[in-house]
């Protein structure tokens, strides 16, 4: 059995050692191929990665660098390079916190053959505020089944470095996805077309949030407005199959953006807990 670990990097020299060491510490029965998709970093990110080639049995594949492609096209070429039974993602400033991260995902996916992907609880590191918190809405179960309709009500995933996908769906991914913003939310809803998503209780990923991030630089109003734009794009892509769920999500955001104080308080009180957690982290 083979797993591809896509390592997405751009100017991550400051973090890449911790990121890469967290990949190399993984204890798994699978053959692991690390696919380095560096988007022409002007720093020495790739030079640092090459230092680790002789320190592991995992193989390294470097995608060719011609010019800066941007986020979407970098992911597109990385997915196209995948040949494994499973595909995990690691973004260059995140890291895994436990050596069983990959194996835990694979074992759950093997036991649940009708599922399309899995994702885990994760730690959010607010580097500029020197604080951290767990992004969580799990119950006492070891895992939960999540559907596309549930995701349409709000992004339950939170970041891509906590995701593992079945390789066959990545290898045959719809190219139209890359005309939109490729992110954990959209990929999760897309994968939900092929089977439920497994939400794993174990906390095995750390996700950095800092001022260098495009999302982090936006104020709350801009974030809400961008989510509404994404809702409209995604609703159209799915041929309005989940319009009811998307509409509920959009209306909550519009009230938070434009409603009076009493209405905002009411909408917060009736909003499901997992969505309130998402809003608090925006």
Protein backbone atom coordinates (compact mmCIF):
# COMPACT_ATOMS: atom_id res chain seq x y z
CA UNK A 1 0.00 0.00 0.00
CA UNK A 2 1.29 3.45 -0.92
CA UNK A 3 0.55 6.89 0.47
CA UNK A 4 1.52 10.16 -1.18
CA UNK A 5 2.29 13.06 1.14
CA UNK A 6 1.91 16.30 -0.79
CA UNK A 7 4.18 18.96 0.70
CA UNK A 8 2.99 22.40 -0.43
CA UNK A 9 5.63 25.09 0.08
CA UNK A 10 6.26 28.73 -0.64
CA UNK A 11 8.75 30.75 1.40
CA UNK A 12 8.52 28.33 4.33
CA UNK A 13 12.20 28.19 5.27
CA UNK A 14 11.36 29.39 8.78
CA UNK A 15 9.08 26.42 9.45
CA UNK A 16 10.03 23.67 7.01
CA UNK A 17 12.37 21.72 9.32
CA UNK A 18 9.66 21.13 11.90
CA UNK A 19 7.18 20.37 9.14
CA UNK A 20 9.41 17.84 7.41
CA UNK A 21 10.57 16.18 10.63
CA UNK A 22 6.93 15.61 11.55
CA UNK A 23 6.47 13.75 8.26
CA UNK A 24 9.61 11.68 8.66
CA UNK A 25 8.64 10.58 12.18
CA UNK A 26 5.51 8.84 10.88
CA UNK A 27 5.25 5.16 11.77
CA UNK A 28 3.27 3.42 9.07
CA UNK A 29 3.17 0.11 7.23
CA UNK A 30 2.72 1.96 3.94
CA UNK A 31 5.31 3.02 1.43
CA UNK A 32 5.53 6.81 1.63
CA UNK A 33 6.34 9.14 -1.25
CA UNK A 34 6.75 12.81 -0.38
CA UNK A 35 5.78 15.00 -3.33
CA UNK A 36 7.37 18.44 -2.99
CA UNK A 37 5.26 21.08 -4.72
CA UNK A 38 7.27 24.25 -4.16
CA UNK A 39 5.89 27.30 -5.95
CA UNK A 40 9.26 28.87 -6.81
CA UNK A 41 10.15 29.99 -3.29
CA UNK A 42 12.77 32.75 -3.41
CA UNK A 43 14.14 31.58 -0.05
CA UNK A 44 16.02 28.31 0.67
CA UNK A 45 12.99 26.13 1.47
CA UNK A 46 13.88 23.46 -1.10
CA UNK A 47 17.57 23.40 -0.11
CA UNK A 48 16.54 22.62 3.46
CA UNK A 49 14.24 19.81 2.28
CA UNK A 50 17.08 18.21 0.31
CA UNK A 51 19.12 17.92 3.51
CA UNK A 52 16.69 15.26 4.73
CA UNK A 53 16.71 12.92 1.72
CA UNK A 54 19.30 10.55 3.22
CA UNK A 55 17.71 10.50 6.68
CA UNK A 56 14.65 8.40 5.84
CA UNK A 57 13.37 5.46 3.82
CA UNK A 58 10.60 7.67 2.47
CA UNK A 59 11.11 8.69 -1.16
CA UNK A 60 11.20 12.30 -2.37
CA UNK A 61 9.75 13.54 -5.66
CA UNK A 62 10.32 17.16 -6.66
CA UNK A 63 7.88 18.71 -9.09
CA UNK A 64 9.64 20.86 -11.70
CA UNK A 65 9.76 24.61 -11.12
CA UNK A 66 9.27 26.85 -14.14
CA UNK A 67 7.51 29.88 -12.76
CA UNK A 68 5.31 30.90 -9.86
CA UNK A 69 1.91 29.29 -10.44
CA UNK A 70 -0.16 30.39 -7.50
CA UNK A 71 -2.02 28.31 -4.95
CA UNK A 72 -4.60 26.57 -7.15
CA UNK A 73 -2.32 25.50 -9.98
CA UNK A 74 0.32 24.31 -7.55
CA UNK A 75 -2.26 22.00 -6.00
CA UNK A 76 -3.46 20.92 -9.43
CA UNK A 77 -0.03 19.69 -10.50
CA UNK A 78 0.56 18.07 -7.10
CA UNK A 79 -2.68 16.08 -7.35
CA UNK A 80 -1.78 15.06 -10.91
CA UNK A 81 1.49 13.57 -9.62
CA UNK A 82 -0.23 11.28 -7.10
CA UNK A 83 -0.31 7.53 -7.72
CA UNK A 84 -0.88 6.22 -4.20
CA UNK A 85 -3.78 4.44 -2.53
CA UNK A 86 -4.04 7.39 -0.18
CA UNK A 87 -3.07 11.06 -0.40
CA UNK A 88 -2.20 13.20 2.61
CA UNK A 89 -1.55 16.93 2.50
CA UNK A 90 0.99 18.93 4.47
CA UNK A 91 1.30 22.67 4.00
CA UNK A 92 4.79 23.99 4.61
CA UNK A 93 4.11 25.91 7.82
CA UNK A 94 2.02 23.20 9.53
CA UNK A 95 3.14 19.97 11.19
CA UNK A 96 1.86 16.68 12.59
CA UNK A 97 2.16 16.24 16.33
CA UNK A 98 1.99 12.44 16.63
CA UNK A 99 3.88 9.66 14.82
CA UNK A 100 0.65 7.71 14.21
CA UNK A 101 -1.05 10.47 12.21
CA UNK A 102 -0.89 8.70 8.84
CA UNK A 103 -1.46 5.21 10.17
CA UNK A 104 -4.47 6.29 12.23
CA UNK A 105 -6.14 7.81 9.17
CA UNK A 106 -5.38 4.83 6.96
CA UNK A 107 -6.67 2.31 9.48
CA UNK A 108 -9.95 4.18 9.84
CA UNK A 109 -10.35 4.49 6.08
CA UNK A 110 -9.59 0.79 5.61
CA UNK A 111 -12.28 -0.11 8.15
CA UNK A 112 -14.79 2.25 6.51
CA UNK A 113 -14.54 1.44 2.78
CA UNK A 114 -17.55 3.59 1.90
CA UNK A 115 -15.83 6.76 3.15
CA UNK A 116 -14.02 9.07 0.75
CA UNK A 117 -11.59 10.87 3.08
CA UNK A 118 -10.80 11.55 6.71
CA UNK A 119 -9.73 14.56 8.73
CA UNK A 120 -8.78 15.07 12.35
CA UNK A 121 -9.11 17.53 15.19
CA UNK A 122 -6.24 19.96 15.16
CA UNK A 123 -4.43 22.58 17.20
CA UNK A 124 -4.61 26.14 15.92
CA UNK A 125 -1.44 28.09 16.65
CA UNK A 126 -1.98 31.85 16.61
CA UNK A 127 1.69 32.71 16.27
CA UNK A 128 1.29 36.49 16.43
CA UNK A 129 -0.76 36.24 19.63
CA UNK A 130 1.34 33.49 21.22
CA UNK A 131 -1.68 31.31 21.97
CA UNK A 132 -3.21 28.05 20.80
CA UNK A 133 -6.54 26.23 20.93
CA UNK A 134 -8.08 23.01 19.69
CA UNK A 135 -10.49 23.30 16.77
CA UNK A 136 -13.11 20.77 17.84
CA UNK A 137 -16.76 19.68 17.74
CA UNK A 138 -16.41 15.93 18.16
CA UNK A 139 -18.55 13.85 20.47
CA UNK A 140 -17.26 10.96 22.55
CA UNK A 141 -17.02 8.65 19.55
CA UNK A 142 -13.66 7.74 18.04
CA UNK A 143 -14.91 9.15 14.74
CA UNK A 144 -18.01 10.64 13.15
CA UNK A 145 -19.45 10.43 9.64
CA UNK A 146 -19.86 13.86 8.01
CA UNK A 147 -21.87 14.54 4.85
CA UNK A 148 -21.67 17.22 2.16
CA UNK A 149 -24.94 18.71 3.39
CA UNK A 150 -23.46 19.14 6.87
CA UNK A 151 -20.40 20.82 5.38
CA UNK A 152 -22.60 23.19 3.40
CA UNK A 153 -23.85 24.51 6.75
CA UNK A 154 -20.30 25.53 7.67
CA UNK A 155 -16.70 24.45 7.24
CA UNK A 156 -16.11 21.66 9.74
CA UNK A 157 -12.63 20.79 8.46
CA UNK A 158 -10.51 23.85 9.14
CA UNK A 159 -7.30 23.14 7.24
CA UNK A 160 -5.83 20.79 4.64
CA UNK A 161 -2.93 19.41 6.67
CA UNK A 162 -5.37 17.31 8.69
CA UNK A 163 -6.84 15.59 5.61
CA UNK A 164 -6.20 12.18 4.03
CA UNK A 165 -8.01 11.27 0.80
CA UNK A 166 -8.56 8.07 -1.11
CA UNK A 167 -6.11 8.25 -3.99
CA UNK A 168 -8.59 7.23 -6.69
CA UNK A 169 -10.65 10.37 -6.11
CA UNK A 170 -7.62 12.67 -6.18
CA UNK A 171 -6.31 11.00 -9.33
CA UNK A 172 -9.64 11.60 -11.10
CA UNK A 173 -10.47 14.98 -9.60
CA UNK A 174 -12.73 17.29 -11.58
CA UNK A 175 -10.52 19.94 -13.26
CA UNK A 176 -13.35 22.47 -12.87
CA UNK A 177 -12.56 22.62 -9.16
CA UNK A 178 -9.42 24.57 -9.93
CA UNK A 179 -11.47 27.39 -11.42
CA UNK A 180 -12.59 28.10 -7.85
CA UNK A 181 -10.69 28.49 -4.61
CA UNK A 182 -9.11 25.16 -3.69
CA UNK A 183 -9.38 24.80 0.06
CA UNK A 184 -10.36 22.27 2.71
CA UNK A 185 -14.03 23.26 2.60
CA UNK A 186 -14.49 22.80 -1.15
CA UNK A 187 -12.44 19.60 -1.30
CA UNK A 188 -14.42 18.16 1.60
CA UNK A 189 -17.75 18.85 -0.09
CA UNK A 190 -16.44 17.44 -3.36
CA UNK A 191 -15.23 14.25 -1.66
CA UNK A 192 -18.61 13.93 0.00
CA UNK A 193 -20.05 13.08 -3.43
CA UNK A 194 -18.24 9.72 -3.26
CA UNK A 195 -18.82 8.79 0.37
CA UNK A 196 -18.98 10.20 3.87
CA UNK A 197 -16.07 11.99 5.51
CA UNK A 198 -14.59 10.53 8.68
CA UNK A 199 -13.93 13.08 11.40
CA UNK A 200 -11.30 11.62 13.74
CA UNK A 201 -11.25 12.56 17.40
CA UNK A 202 -7.48 12.31 17.86
CA UNK A 203 -5.57 15.62 17.71
CA UNK A 204 -2.62 14.99 15.39
CA UNK A 205 -2.11 18.24 13.43
CA UNK A 206 -0.91 21.75 14.27
CA UNK A 207 -2.09 24.54 11.97
CA UNK A 208 -0.29 27.88 12.07
CA UNK A 209 -2.28 31.09 11.73
CA UNK A 210 -0.11 34.18 11.27
CA UNK A 211 -0.09 37.57 9.60
CA UNK A 212 1.57 36.15 6.49
CA UNK A 213 -1.57 34.20 5.65
CA UNK A 214 -3.94 35.67 3.07
CA UNK A 215 -6.98 34.86 5.21
CA UNK A 216 -5.44 36.16 8.42
CA UNK A 217 -4.80 39.56 6.87
CA UNK A 218 -8.52 40.07 6.22
CA UNK A 219 -10.76 41.72 8.80
CA UNK A 220 -13.89 39.95 10.04
CA UNK A 221 -16.24 41.72 7.63
CA UNK A 222 -14.07 40.83 4.64
CA UNK A 223 -13.89 37.22 5.78
CA UNK A 224 -17.67 36.94 6.08
CA UNK A 225 -18.13 38.53 2.65
CA UNK A 226 -15.62 36.14 1.11
CA UNK A 227 -17.42 33.14 2.62
CA UNK A 228 -20.67 34.36 1.07
CA UNK A 229 -18.93 34.58 -2.31
CA UNK A 230 -17.67 31.02 -1.89
CA UNK A 231 -21.14 29.80 -0.92
CA UNK A 232 -22.52 31.22 -4.17
CA UNK A 233 -19.72 29.63 -6.22
CA UNK A 234 -20.02 26.24 -4.53
CA UNK A 235 -23.82 26.20 -4.72
CA UNK A 236 -23.62 26.72 -8.47
CA UNK A 237 -20.92 24.05 -8.86
CA UNK A 238 -23.07 21.46 -7.10
CA UNK A 239 -26.00 22.40 -9.36
CA UNK A 240 -27.95 23.78 -6.39
CA UNK A 241 -28.25 20.34 -4.79
CA UNK A 242 -27.46 21.79 -1.35
CA UNK A 243 -29.14 25.17 -1.75
CA UNK A 244 -31.20 24.83 1.43
CA UNK A 245 -28.13 24.23 3.60
CA UNK A 246 -26.07 26.88 1.81
CA UNK A 247 -28.90 29.41 2.19
CA UNK A 248 -29.07 28.88 5.95
CA UNK A 249 -25.34 29.44 6.20
CA UNK A 250 -25.47 32.54 4.01
CA UNK A 251 -28.35 34.07 5.98
CA UNK A 252 -26.51 33.66 9.26
CA UNK A 253 -23.51 35.44 7.82
CA UNK A 254 -25.64 38.23 6.36
CA UNK A 255 -27.30 38.81 9.72
CA UNK A 256 -23.92 38.91 11.43
CA UNK A 257 -22.78 41.40 8.80
CA UNK A 258 -25.81 43.64 8.47
CA UNK A 259 -28.36 42.81 11.19
CA UNK A 260 -29.08 44.91 14.28
CA UNK A 261 -27.61 43.94 17.66
CA UNK A 262 -30.72 42.15 18.94
CA UNK A 263 -30.96 40.10 15.76
CA UNK A 264 -27.27 39.22 15.91
CA UNK A 265 -27.70 38.00 19.47
CA UNK A 266 -30.67 35.87 18.48
CA UNK A 267 -28.95 34.33 15.47
CA UNK A 268 -25.94 33.44 17.60
CA UNK A 269 -28.19 31.76 20.17
CA UNK A 270 -29.83 29.47 17.58
CA UNK A 271 -26.69 28.76 15.57
CA UNK A 272 -25.35 25.19 15.94
CA UNK A 273 -22.35 24.97 18.24
CA UNK A 274 -19.93 23.84 15.54
CA UNK A 275 -20.74 26.91 13.41
CA UNK A 276 -20.34 29.23 16.40
CA UNK A 277 -16.87 27.76 16.84
CA UNK A 278 -16.07 28.50 13.20
CA UNK A 279 -17.26 32.10 13.53
CA UNK A 280 -15.25 32.66 16.70
CA UNK A 281 -12.11 31.63 14.84
CA UNK A 282 -12.61 33.86 11.81
